[in-house]
């Protein structure tokens, strides 16, 4: 699976960079194609979620701290395909892309 992860968190970035096929960036510079999924750290600051949805062609997934359900609701309202708590994505420091909910991966 080829995944683009948008995060400003150095800790998250280091975990994702360890996964083959993953590219990490702090922001989008333009339209995004060629990835199976684009994952967005919803806690990375003032994101224009509708703009992210417009620039991403394909599966768009947001992840958030479990105490910030408001971020999840905002991402779904902006058209994200899926949102999940950070803890569901990272178990014991290991990234589990089977939880992303894109393509053939289970939701």
PDB file of N, CA and C in Angstrom:
ATOM      1  N   UNK A   1       0.843  -1.170   0.000  1.00  0.00           N
ATOM      2  CA  UNK A   1       0.000   0.000   0.000  1.00  0.00           C
ATOM      3  C   UNK A   1       0.894   1.241   0.000  1.00  0.00           C
ATOM      4  N   UNK A   2       0.631   2.176  -0.889  1.00  0.00           N
ATOM      5  CA  UNK A   2       1.373   3.430  -0.966  1.00  0.00           C
ATOM      6  C   UNK A   2       0.537   4.512  -0.285  1.00  0.00           C
ATOM      7  N   UNK A   3       1.111   5.120   0.771  1.00  0.00           N
ATOM      8  CA  UNK A   3       0.367   6.043   1.615  1.00  0.00           C
ATOM      9  C   UNK A   3       1.135   7.356   1.774  1.00  0.00           C
ATOM     10  N   UNK A   4       0.413   8.460   1.640  1.00  0.00           N
ATOM     11  CA  UNK A   4       0.940   9.779   1.971  1.00  0.00           C
ATOM     12  C   UNK A   4       0.352  10.169   3.312  1.00  0.00           C
ATOM     13  N   UNK A   5       1.203  10.586   4.237  1.00  0.00           N
ATOM     14  CA  UNK A   5       0.759  11.000   5.564  1.00  0.00           C
ATOM     15  C   UNK A   5       1.087  12.476   5.739  1.00  0.00           C
ATOM     16  N   UNK A   6       0.072  13.255   6.080  1.00  0.00           N
ATOM     17  CA  UNK A   6       0.256  14.671   6.361  1.00  0.00           C
ATOM     18  C   UNK A   6       0.241  14.873   7.869  1.00  0.00           C
ATOM     19  N   UNK A   7       1.398  15.213   8.425  1.00  0.00           N
ATOM     20  CA  UNK A   7       1.497  15.441   9.866  1.00  0.00           C
ATOM     21  C   UNK A   7       2.645  16.394  10.142  1.00  0.00           C
ATOM     22  N   UNK A   8       2.477  17.160  11.195  1.00  0.00           N
ATOM     23  CA  UNK A   8       3.552  18.024  11.684  1.00  0.00           C
ATOM     24  C   UNK A   8       4.172  17.444  12.959  1.00  0.00           C
ATOM     25  N   UNK A   9       3.659  16.319  13.400  1.00  0.00           N
ATOM     26  CA  UNK A   9       4.166  15.666  14.606  1.00  0.00           C
ATOM     27  C   UNK A   9       5.429  14.878  14.259  1.00  0.00           C
ATOM     28  N   UNK A  10       6.535  15.235  14.874  1.00  0.00           N
ATOM     29  CA  UNK A  10       7.789  14.525  14.614  1.00  0.00           C
ATOM     30  C   UNK A  10       7.726  13.078  15.083  1.00  0.00           C
ATOM     31  N   UNK A  11       7.016  12.832  16.178  1.00  0.00           N
ATOM     32  CA  UNK A  11       6.893  11.461  16.677  1.00  0.00           C
ATOM     33  C   UNK A  11       6.085  10.601  15.703  1.00  0.00           C
ATOM     34  N   UNK A  12       4.942  11.127  15.240  1.00  0.00           N
ATOM     35  CA  UNK A  12       4.145  10.383  14.261  1.00  0.00           C
ATOM     36  C   UNK A  12       4.936  10.185  12.978  1.00  0.00           C
ATOM     37  N   UNK A  13       5.603  11.239  12.513  1.00  0.00           N
ATOM     38  CA  UNK A  13       6.368  11.155  11.265  1.00  0.00           C
ATOM     39  C   UNK A  13       7.413  10.052  11.337  1.00  0.00           C
ATOM     40  N   UNK A  14       8.118   9.954  12.458  1.00  0.00           N
ATOM     41  CA  UNK A  14       9.157   8.919  12.577  1.00  0.00           C
ATOM     42  C   UNK A  14       8.559   7.522  12.534  1.00  0.00           C
ATOM     43  N   UNK A  15       7.383   7.342  13.112  1.00  0.00           N
ATOM     44  CA  UNK A  15       6.730   6.027  13.058  1.00  0.00           C
ATOM     45  C   UNK A  15       6.298   5.691  11.637  1.00  0.00           C
ATOM     46  N   UNK A  16       5.698   6.654  10.954  1.00  0.00           N
ATOM     47  CA  UNK A  16       5.234   6.398   9.592  1.00  0.00           C
ATOM     48  C   UNK A  16       6.390   6.183   8.621  1.00  0.00           C
ATOM     49  N   UNK A  17       7.463   6.949   8.776  1.00  0.00           N
ATOM     50  CA  UNK A  17       8.602   6.827   7.865  1.00  0.00           C
ATOM     51  C   UNK A  17       9.236   5.449   7.922  1.00  0.00           C
ATOM     52  N   UNK A  18       9.028   4.730   9.019  1.00  0.00           N
ATOM     53  CA  UNK A  18       9.578   3.386   9.164  1.00  0.00           C
ATOM     54  C   UNK A  18       8.792   2.342   8.360  1.00  0.00           C
ATOM     55  N   UNK A  19       7.633   2.734   7.826  1.00  0.00           N
ATOM     56  CA  UNK A  19       6.776   1.803   7.086  1.00  0.00           C
ATOM     57  C   UNK A  19       7.064   1.940   5.589  1.00  0.00           C
ATOM     58  N   UNK A  20       7.397   0.833   4.954  1.00  0.00           N
ATOM     59  CA  UNK A  20       7.684   0.834   3.522  1.00  0.00           C
ATOM     60  C   UNK A  20       6.479   1.330   2.726  1.00  0.00           C
ATOM     61  N   UNK A  21       6.741   2.164   1.727  1.00  0.00           N
ATOM     62  CA  UNK A  21       5.680   2.670   0.873  1.00  0.00           C
ATOM     63  C   UNK A  21       4.992   3.908   1.409  1.00  0.00           C
ATOM     64  N   UNK A  22       5.524   4.472   2.502  1.00  0.00           N
ATOM     65  CA  UNK A  22       4.903   5.631   3.130  1.00  0.00           C
ATOM     66  C   UNK A  22       5.757   6.878   2.917  1.00  0.00           C
ATOM     67  N   UNK A  23       5.103   7.961   2.531  1.00  0.00           N
ATOM     68  CA  UNK A  23       5.745   9.258   2.378  1.00  0.00           C
ATOM     69  C   UNK A  23       5.108  10.194   3.394  1.00  0.00           C
ATOM     70  N   UNK A  24       5.925  10.953   4.118  1.00  0.00           N
ATOM     71  CA  UNK A  24       5.427  11.875   5.125  1.00  0.00           C
ATOM     72  C   UNK A  24       5.715  13.302   4.683  1.00  0.00           C
ATOM     73  N   UNK A  25       4.726  14.166   4.860  1.00  0.00           N
ATOM     74  CA  UNK A  25       4.865  15.575   4.506  1.00  0.00           C
ATOM     75  C   UNK A  25       4.117  16.406   5.543  1.00  0.00           C
ATOM     76  N   UNK A  26       4.604  17.626   5.830  1.00  0.00           N
ATOM     77  CA  UNK A  26       3.885  18.473   6.778  1.00  0.00           C
ATOM     78  C   UNK A  26       2.667  19.163   6.170  1.00  0.00           C
ATOM     79  N   UNK A  27       2.587  19.232   4.832  1.00  0.00           N
ATOM     80  CA  UNK A  27       1.474  19.946   4.190  1.00  0.00           C
ATOM     81  C   UNK A  27       1.351  19.512   2.732  1.00  0.00           C
ATOM     82  N   UNK A  28       0.246  19.884   2.117  1.00  0.00           N
ATOM     83  CA  UNK A  28       0.033  19.641   0.692  1.00  0.00           C
ATOM     84  C   UNK A  28       0.511  20.847  -0.104  1.00  0.00           C
ATOM     85  N   UNK A  29       1.161  20.572  -1.232  1.00  0.00           N
ATOM     86  CA  UNK A  29       1.621  21.656  -2.101  1.00  0.00           C
ATOM     87  C   UNK A  29       0.750  21.773  -3.346  1.00  0.00           C
ATOM     88  N   UNK A  30      -0.158  20.826  -3.546  1.00  0.00           N
ATOM     89  CA  UNK A  30      -1.029  20.830  -4.711  1.00  0.00           C
ATOM     90  C   UNK A  30      -1.812  19.537  -4.771  1.00  0.00           C
ATOM     91  N   UNK A  31      -2.477  19.269  -5.897  1.00  0.00           N
ATOM     92  CA  UNK A  31      -3.275  18.042  -6.027  1.00  0.00           C
ATOM     93  C   UNK A  31      -2.440  16.786  -5.795  1.00  0.00           C
ATOM     94  N   UNK A  32      -3.080  15.781  -5.217  1.00  0.00           N
ATOM     95  CA  UNK A  32      -2.398  14.536  -4.865  1.00  0.00           C
ATOM     96  C   UNK A  32      -3.019  13.376  -5.632  1.00  0.00           C
ATOM     97  N   UNK A  33      -2.186  12.645  -6.347  1.00  0.00           N
ATOM     98  CA  UNK A  33      -2.582  11.423  -7.052  1.00  0.00           C
ATOM     99  C   UNK A  33      -1.505  10.367  -6.817  1.00  0.00           C
ATOM    100  N   UNK A  34      -1.825   9.125  -7.094  1.00  0.00           N
ATOM    101  CA  UNK A  34      -0.825   8.071  -7.056  1.00  0.00           C
ATOM    102  C   UNK A  34      -0.627   7.392  -5.715  1.00  0.00           C
ATOM    103  N   UNK A  35      -1.479   7.661  -4.765  1.00  0.00           N
ATOM    104  CA  UNK A  35      -1.396   6.996  -3.465  1.00  0.00           C
ATOM    105  C   UNK A  35      -2.667   6.191  -3.239  1.00  0.00           C
ATOM    106  N   UNK A  36      -2.526   5.059  -2.542  1.00  0.00           N
ATOM    107  CA  UNK A  36      -3.694   4.253  -2.184  1.00  0.00           C
ATOM    108  C   UNK A  36      -4.518   4.955  -1.112  1.00  0.00           C
ATOM    109  N   UNK A  37      -3.840   5.727  -0.283  1.00  0.00           N
ATOM    110  CA  UNK A  37      -4.523   6.465   0.780  1.00  0.00           C
ATOM    111  C   UNK A  37      -3.710   7.697   1.136  1.00  0.00           C
ATOM    112  N   UNK A  38      -4.417   8.724   1.552  1.00  0.00           N
ATOM    113  CA  UNK A  38      -3.791   9.907   2.131  1.00  0.00           C
ATOM    114  C   UNK A  38      -4.336  10.018   3.543  1.00  0.00           C
ATOM    115  N   UNK A  39      -3.421  10.044   4.507  1.00  0.00           N
ATOM    116  CA  UNK A  39      -3.809  10.119   5.909  1.00  0.00           C
ATOM    117  C   UNK A  39      -3.449  11.498   6.432  1.00  0.00           C
ATOM    118  N   UNK A  40      -4.368  12.092   7.158  1.00  0.00           N
ATOM    119  CA  UNK A  40      -4.190  13.445   7.665  1.00  0.00           C
ATOM    120  C   UNK A  40      -4.290  13.445   9.181  1.00  0.00           C
ATOM    121  N   UNK A  41      -3.256  13.980   9.823  1.00  0.00           N
ATOM    122  CA  UNK A  41      -3.280  14.174  11.266  1.00  0.00           C
ATOM    123  C   UNK A  41      -4.175  15.372  11.532  1.00  0.00           C
ATOM    124  N   UNK A  42      -5.368  15.120  12.001  1.00  0.00           N
ATOM    125  CA  UNK A  42      -6.352  16.178  12.200  1.00  0.00           C
ATOM    126  C   UNK A  42      -5.975  17.137  13.325  1.00  0.00           C
ATOM    127  N   UNK A  43      -5.016  16.747  14.143  1.00  0.00           N
ATOM    128  CA  UNK A  43      -4.582  17.619  15.238  1.00  0.00           C
ATOM    129  C   UNK A  43      -3.370  18.462  14.853  1.00  0.00           C
ATOM    130  N   UNK A  44      -3.021  18.482  13.568  1.00  0.00           N
ATOM    131  CA  UNK A  44      -1.833  19.213  13.112  1.00  0.00           C
ATOM    132  C   UNK A  44      -2.010  20.717  13.026  1.00  0.00           C
ATOM    133  N   UNK A  45      -3.116  21.227  13.434  1.00  0.00           N
ATOM    134  CA  UNK A  45      -3.282  22.677  13.394  1.00  0.00           C
ATOM    135  C   UNK A  45      -4.488  23.081  12.572  1.00  0.00           C
ATOM    136  N   UNK A  46      -4.494  24.305  12.159  1.00  0.00           N
ATOM    137  CA  UNK A  46      -5.617  24.864  11.417  1.00  0.00           C
ATOM    138  C   UNK A  46      -5.628  24.357   9.980  1.00  0.00           C
ATOM    139  N   UNK A  47      -6.218  23.216   9.766  1.00  0.00           N
ATOM    140  CA  UNK A  47      -6.316  22.634   8.431  1.00  0.00           C
ATOM    141  C   UNK A  47      -7.611  23.071   7.769  1.00  0.00           C
ATOM    142  N   UNK A  48      -7.529  23.353   6.513  1.00  0.00           N
ATOM    143  CA  UNK A  48      -8.729  23.608   5.715  1.00  0.00           C
ATOM    144  C   UNK A  48      -9.163  22.251   5.156  1.00  0.00           C
ATOM    145  N   UNK A  49     -10.013  21.546   5.901  1.00  0.00           N
ATOM    146  CA  UNK A  49     -10.361  20.174   5.555  1.00  0.00           C
ATOM    147  C   UNK A  49     -11.029  20.062   4.197  1.00  0.00           C
ATOM    148  N   UNK A  50     -11.864  21.013   3.825  1.00  0.00           N
ATOM    149  CA  UNK A  50     -12.514  20.982   2.511  1.00  0.00           C
ATOM    150  C   UNK A  50     -11.474  21.111   1.396  1.00  0.00           C
ATOM    151  N   UNK A  51     -10.448  21.933   1.632  1.00  0.00           N
ATOM    152  CA  UNK A  51      -9.374  22.107   0.645  1.00  0.00           C
ATOM    153  C   UNK A  51      -8.557  20.820   0.512  1.00  0.00           C
ATOM    154  N   UNK A  52      -8.288  20.165   1.630  1.00  0.00           N
ATOM    155  CA  UNK A  52      -7.570  18.885   1.587  1.00  0.00           C
ATOM    156  C   UNK A  52      -8.377  17.887   0.766  1.00  0.00           C
ATOM    157  N   UNK A  53      -9.690  17.813   1.011  1.00  0.00           N
ATOM    158  CA  UNK A  53     -10.555  16.889   0.257  1.00  0.00           C
ATOM    159  C   UNK A  53     -10.509  17.216  -1.233  1.00  0.00           C
ATOM    160  N   UNK A  54     -10.496  18.489  -1.585  1.00  0.00           N
ATOM    161  CA  UNK A  54     -10.469  18.898  -2.988  1.00  0.00           C
ATOM    162  C   UNK A  54      -9.155  18.494  -3.667  1.00  0.00           C
ATOM    163  N   UNK A  55      -8.058  18.529  -2.933  1.00  0.00           N
ATOM    164  CA  UNK A  55      -6.742  18.246  -3.503  1.00  0.00           C
ATOM    165  C   UNK A  55      -6.410  16.757  -3.565  1.00  0.00           C
ATOM    166  N   UNK A  56      -7.105  15.951  -2.765  1.00  0.00           N
ATOM    167  CA  UNK A  56      -6.798  14.517  -2.706  1.00  0.00           C
ATOM    168  C   UNK A  56      -7.769  13.751  -3.584  1.00  0.00           C
ATOM    169  N   UNK A  57      -7.211  13.035  -4.554  1.00  0.00           N
ATOM    170  CA  UNK A  57      -8.007  12.190  -5.444  1.00  0.00           C
ATOM    171  C   UNK A  57      -7.785  10.752  -5.013  1.00  0.00           C
ATOM    172  N   UNK A  58      -8.708  10.229  -4.263  1.00  0.00           N
ATOM    173  CA  UNK A  58      -8.572   8.876  -3.737  1.00  0.00           C
ATOM    174  C   UNK A  58      -9.010   8.837  -2.295  1.00  0.00           C
ATOM    175  N   UNK A  59      -8.637   7.779  -1.632  1.00  0.00           N
ATOM    176  CA  UNK A  59      -9.061   7.542  -0.259  1.00  0.00           C
ATOM    177  C   UNK A  59      -8.403   8.531   0.696  1.00  0.00           C
ATOM    178  N   UNK A  60      -9.223   9.229   1.451  1.00  0.00           N
ATOM    179  CA  UNK A  60      -8.744  10.243   2.394  1.00  0.00           C
ATOM    180  C   UNK A  60      -9.183   9.865   3.801  1.00  0.00           C
ATOM    181  N   UNK A  61      -8.205   9.699   4.676  1.00  0.00           N
ATOM    182  CA  UNK A  61      -8.456   9.240   6.042  1.00  0.00           C
ATOM    183  C   UNK A  61      -7.865  10.240   7.028  1.00  0.00           C
ATOM    184  N   UNK A  62      -8.647  10.612   8.006  1.00  0.00           N
ATOM    185  CA  UNK A  62      -8.146  11.461   9.078  1.00  0.00           C
ATOM    186  C   UNK A  62      -7.930  10.641  10.329  1.00  0.00           C
ATOM    187  N   UNK A  63      -6.933  11.025  11.114  1.00  0.00           N
ATOM    188  CA  UNK A  63      -6.760  10.400  12.424  1.00  0.00           C
ATOM    189  C   UNK A  63      -6.598  11.504  13.466  1.00  0.00           C
ATOM    190  N   UNK A  64      -7.003  11.203  14.689  1.00  0.00           N
ATOM    191  CA  UNK A  64      -7.130  12.235  15.708  1.00  0.00           C
ATOM    192  C   UNK A  64      -6.908  11.645  17.099  1.00  0.00           C
ATOM    193  N   UNK A  65      -6.573  12.493  18.085  1.00  0.00           N
ATOM    194  CA  UNK A  65      -6.509  12.021  19.467  1.00  0.00           C
ATOM    195  C   UNK A  65      -7.916  11.609  19.920  1.00  0.00           C
ATOM    196  N   UNK A  66      -8.034  10.503  20.595  1.00  0.00           N
ATOM    197  CA  UNK A  66      -9.365   9.959  20.939  1.00  0.00           C
ATOM    198  C   UNK A  66     -10.232  10.929  21.751  1.00  0.00           C
ATOM    199  N   UNK A  67      -9.643  11.920  22.369  1.00  0.00           N
ATOM    200  CA  UNK A  67     -10.420  12.874  23.158  1.00  0.00           C
ATOM    201  C   UNK A  67     -10.975  14.027  22.315  1.00  0.00           C
ATOM    202  N   UNK A  68     -10.681  14.029  21.020  1.00  0.00           N
ATOM    203  CA  UNK A  68     -11.101  15.133  20.145  1.00  0.00           C
ATOM    204  C   UNK A  68     -12.066  14.657  19.065  1.00  0.00           C
ATOM    205  N   UNK A  69     -13.216  14.139  19.488  1.00  0.00           N
ATOM    206  CA  UNK A  69     -14.246  13.685  18.532  1.00  0.00           C
ATOM    207  C   UNK A  69     -14.706  14.820  17.627  1.00  0.00           C
ATOM    208  N   UNK A  70     -14.571  16.068  18.060  1.00  0.00           N
ATOM    209  CA  UNK A  70     -14.945  17.199  17.221  1.00  0.00           C
ATOM    210  C   UNK A  70     -14.136  17.228  15.930  1.00  0.00           C
ATOM    211  N   UNK A  71     -12.872  16.826  16.004  1.00  0.00           N
ATOM    212  CA  UNK A  71     -12.029  16.768  14.804  1.00  0.00           C
ATOM    213  C   UNK A  71     -12.538  15.693  13.835  1.00  0.00           C
ATOM    214  N   UNK A  72     -12.959  14.572  14.383  1.00  0.00           N
ATOM    215  CA  UNK A  72     -13.495  13.497  13.549  1.00  0.00           C
ATOM    216  C   UNK A  72     -14.767  13.946  12.842  1.00  0.00           C
ATOM    217  N   UNK A  73     -15.653  14.583  13.572  1.00  0.00           N
ATOM    218  CA  UNK A  73     -16.906  15.053  12.982  1.00  0.00           C
ATOM    219  C   UNK A  73     -16.647  16.079  11.888  1.00  0.00           C
ATOM    220  N   UNK A  74     -15.702  16.979  12.091  1.00  0.00           N
ATOM    221  CA  UNK A  74     -15.379  18.000  11.092  1.00  0.00           C
ATOM    222  C   UNK A  74     -14.814  17.357   9.824  1.00  0.00           C
ATOM    223  N   UNK A  75     -13.970  16.346   9.979  1.00  0.00           N
ATOM    224  CA  UNK A  75     -13.388  15.670   8.812  1.00  0.00           C
ATOM    225  C   UNK A  75     -14.457  14.930   8.015  1.00  0.00           C
ATOM    226  N   UNK A  76     -15.356  14.247   8.695  1.00  0.00           N
ATOM    227  CA  UNK A  76     -16.437  13.552   7.995  1.00  0.00           C
ATOM    228  C   UNK A  76     -17.343  14.544   7.271  1.00  0.00           C
ATOM    229  N   UNK A  77     -17.617  15.668   7.900  1.00  0.00           N
ATOM    230  CA  UNK A  77     -18.446  16.696   7.276  1.00  0.00           C
ATOM    231  C   UNK A  77     -17.765  17.283   6.042  1.00  0.00           C
ATOM    232  N   UNK A  78     -16.428  17.286   6.024  1.00  0.00           N
ATOM    233  CA  UNK A  78     -15.666  17.818   4.894  1.00  0.00           C
ATOM    234  C   UNK A  78     -15.519  16.804   3.759  1.00  0.00           C
ATOM    235  N   UNK A  79     -15.987  15.566   3.984  1.00  0.00           N
ATOM    236  CA  UNK A  79     -15.942  14.559   2.926  1.00  0.00           C
ATOM    237  C   UNK A  79     -14.845  13.523   3.035  1.00  0.00           C
ATOM    238  N   UNK A  80     -14.187  13.436   4.199  1.00  0.00           N
ATOM    239  CA  UNK A  80     -13.179  12.389   4.378  1.00  0.00           C
ATOM    240  C   UNK A  80     -13.877  11.034   4.289  1.00  0.00           C
ATOM    241  N   UNK A  81     -13.180  10.046   3.751  1.00  0.00           N
ATOM    242  CA  UNK A  81     -13.751   8.709   3.607  1.00  0.00           C
ATOM    243  C   UNK A  81     -13.848   7.969   4.929  1.00  0.00           C
ATOM    244  N   UNK A  82     -12.911   8.248   5.819  1.00  0.00           N
ATOM    245  CA  UNK A  82     -12.859   7.536   7.085  1.00  0.00           C
ATOM    246  C   UNK A  82     -12.092   8.390   8.092  1.00  0.00           C
ATOM    247  N   UNK A  83     -12.417   8.233   9.358  1.00  0.00           N
ATOM    248  CA  UNK A  83     -11.639   8.842  10.434  1.00  0.00           C
ATOM    249  C   UNK A  83     -11.481   7.804  11.536  1.00  0.00           C
ATOM    250  N   UNK A  84     -10.341   7.843  12.218  1.00  0.00           N
ATOM    251  CA  UNK A  84     -10.134   6.903  13.296  1.00  0.00           C
ATOM    252  C   UNK A  84      -9.222   7.507  14.347  1.00  0.00           C
ATOM    253  N   UNK A  85      -9.388   7.075  15.578  1.00  0.00           N
ATOM    254  CA  UNK A  85      -8.503   7.557  16.631  1.00  0.00           C
ATOM    255  C   UNK A  85      -7.064   7.110  16.365  1.00  0.00           C
ATOM    256  N   UNK A  86      -6.125   7.950  16.736  1.00  0.00           N
ATOM    257  CA  UNK A  86      -4.702   7.627  16.557  1.00  0.00           C
ATOM    258  C   UNK A  86      -4.388   6.262  17.171  1.00  0.00           C
ATOM    259  N   UNK A  87      -4.973   5.964  18.331  1.00  0.00           N
ATOM    260  CA  UNK A  87      -4.678   4.701  19.016  1.00  0.00           C
ATOM    261  C   UNK A  87      -5.120   3.490  18.203  1.00  0.00           C
ATOM    262  N   UNK A  88      -6.131   3.636  17.345  1.00  0.00           N
ATOM    263  CA  UNK A  88      -6.556   2.519  16.493  1.00  0.00           C
ATOM    264  C   UNK A  88      -5.595   2.299  15.340  1.00  0.00           C
ATOM    265  N   UNK A  89      -4.857   3.314  14.990  1.00  0.00           N
ATOM    266  CA  UNK A  89      -3.901   3.233  13.886  1.00  0.00           C
ATOM    267  C   UNK A  89      -2.534   2.764  14.362  1.00  0.00           C
ATOM    268  N   UNK A  90      -2.163   3.171  15.552  1.00  0.00           N
ATOM    269  CA  UNK A  90      -0.840   2.842  16.081  1.00  0.00           C
ATOM    270  C   UNK A  90      -0.994   2.032  17.351  1.00  0.00           C
ATOM    271  N   UNK A  91      -0.604   0.801  17.266  1.00  0.00           N
ATOM    272  CA  UNK A  91      -0.667  -0.087  18.436  1.00  0.00           C
ATOM    273  C   UNK A  91       0.758  -0.357  18.903  1.00  0.00           C
ATOM    274  N   UNK A  92       1.042   0.000  20.130  1.00  0.00           N
ATOM    275  CA  UNK A  92       2.372  -0.217  20.710  1.00  0.00           C
ATOM    276  C   UNK A  92       3.475   0.375  19.840  1.00  0.00           C
ATOM    277  N   UNK A  93       3.200   1.539  19.247  1.00  0.00           N
ATOM    278  CA  UNK A  93       4.195   2.217  18.425  1.00  0.00           C
ATOM    279  C   UNK A  93       4.316   1.696  17.017  1.00  0.00           C
ATOM    280  N   UNK A  94       3.483   0.725  16.649  1.00  0.00           N
ATOM    281  CA  UNK A  94       3.538   0.131  15.310  1.00  0.00           C
ATOM    282  C   UNK A  94       2.324   0.585  14.522  1.00  0.00           C
ATOM    283  N   UNK A  95       2.570   1.066  13.288  1.00  0.00           N
ATOM    284  CA  UNK A  95       1.493   1.532  12.425  1.00  0.00           C
ATOM    285  C   UNK A  95       0.779   0.337  11.808  1.00  0.00           C
ATOM    286  N   UNK A  96      -0.551   0.335  11.865  1.00  0.00           N
ATOM    287  CA  UNK A  96      -1.356  -0.752  11.311  1.00  0.00           C
ATOM    288  C   UNK A  96      -2.281  -0.191  10.233  1.00  0.00           C
ATOM    289  N   UNK A  97      -1.832  -0.244   8.966  1.00  0.00           N
ATOM    290  CA  UNK A  97      -2.623   0.301   7.874  1.00  0.00           C
ATOM    291  C   UNK A  97      -3.838  -0.557   7.527  1.00  0.00           C
ATOM    292  N   UNK A  98      -3.970  -1.738   8.106  1.00  0.00           N
ATOM    293  CA  UNK A  98      -5.157  -2.541   7.838  1.00  0.00           C
ATOM    294  C   UNK A  98      -6.408  -1.883   8.418  1.00  0.00           C
ATOM    295  N   UNK A  99      -6.231  -0.928   9.300  1.00  0.00           N
ATOM    296  CA  UNK A  99      -7.347  -0.234   9.943  1.00  0.00           C
ATOM    297  C   UNK A  99      -7.773   1.011   9.197  1.00  0.00           C
ATOM    298  N   UNK A 100      -7.097   1.331   8.100  1.00  0.00           N
ATOM    299  CA  UNK A 100      -7.346   2.588   7.380  1.00  0.00           C
ATOM    300  C   UNK A 100      -8.720   2.636   6.732  1.00  0.00           C
ATOM    301  N   UNK A 101      -9.207   1.526   6.188  1.00  0.00           N
ATOM    302  CA  UNK A 101     -10.530   1.519   5.579  1.00  0.00           C
ATOM    303  C   UNK A 101     -10.538   1.915   4.123  1.00  0.00           C
ATOM    304  N   UNK A 102      -9.436   1.766   3.416  1.00  0.00           N
ATOM    305  CA  UNK A 102      -9.355   2.090   1.984  1.00  0.00           C
ATOM    306  C   UNK A 102      -9.213   0.804   1.171  1.00  0.00           C
ATOM    307  N   UNK A 103      -9.877   0.785   0.044  1.00  0.00           N
ATOM    308  CA  UNK A 103      -9.746  -0.368  -0.851  1.00  0.00           C
ATOM    309  C   UNK A 103     -10.144  -1.648  -0.171  1.00  0.00           C
ATOM    310  N   UNK A 104      -9.294  -2.652  -0.283  1.00  0.00           N
ATOM    311  CA  UNK A 104      -9.602  -3.975   0.241  1.00  0.00           C
ATOM    312  C   UNK A 104      -9.323  -4.097   1.739  1.00  0.00           C
ATOM    313  N   UNK A 105      -8.704  -3.081   2.327  1.00  0.00           N
ATOM    314  CA  UNK A 105      -8.395  -3.164   3.759  1.00  0.00           C
ATOM    315  C   UNK A 105      -9.681  -3.115   4.569  1.00  0.00           C
ATOM    316  N   UNK A 106      -9.800  -3.928   5.616  1.00  0.00           N
ATOM    317  CA  UNK A 106     -10.988  -3.905   6.446  1.00  0.00           C
ATOM    318  C   UNK A 106     -11.114  -2.594   7.195  1.00  0.00           C
ATOM    319  N   UNK A 107     -12.349  -2.192   7.491  1.00  0.00           N
ATOM    320  CA  UNK A 107     -12.573  -0.960   8.252  1.00  0.00           C
ATOM    321  C   UNK A 107     -12.649  -1.245   9.727  1.00  0.00           C
TER     322      UNK A 107
END
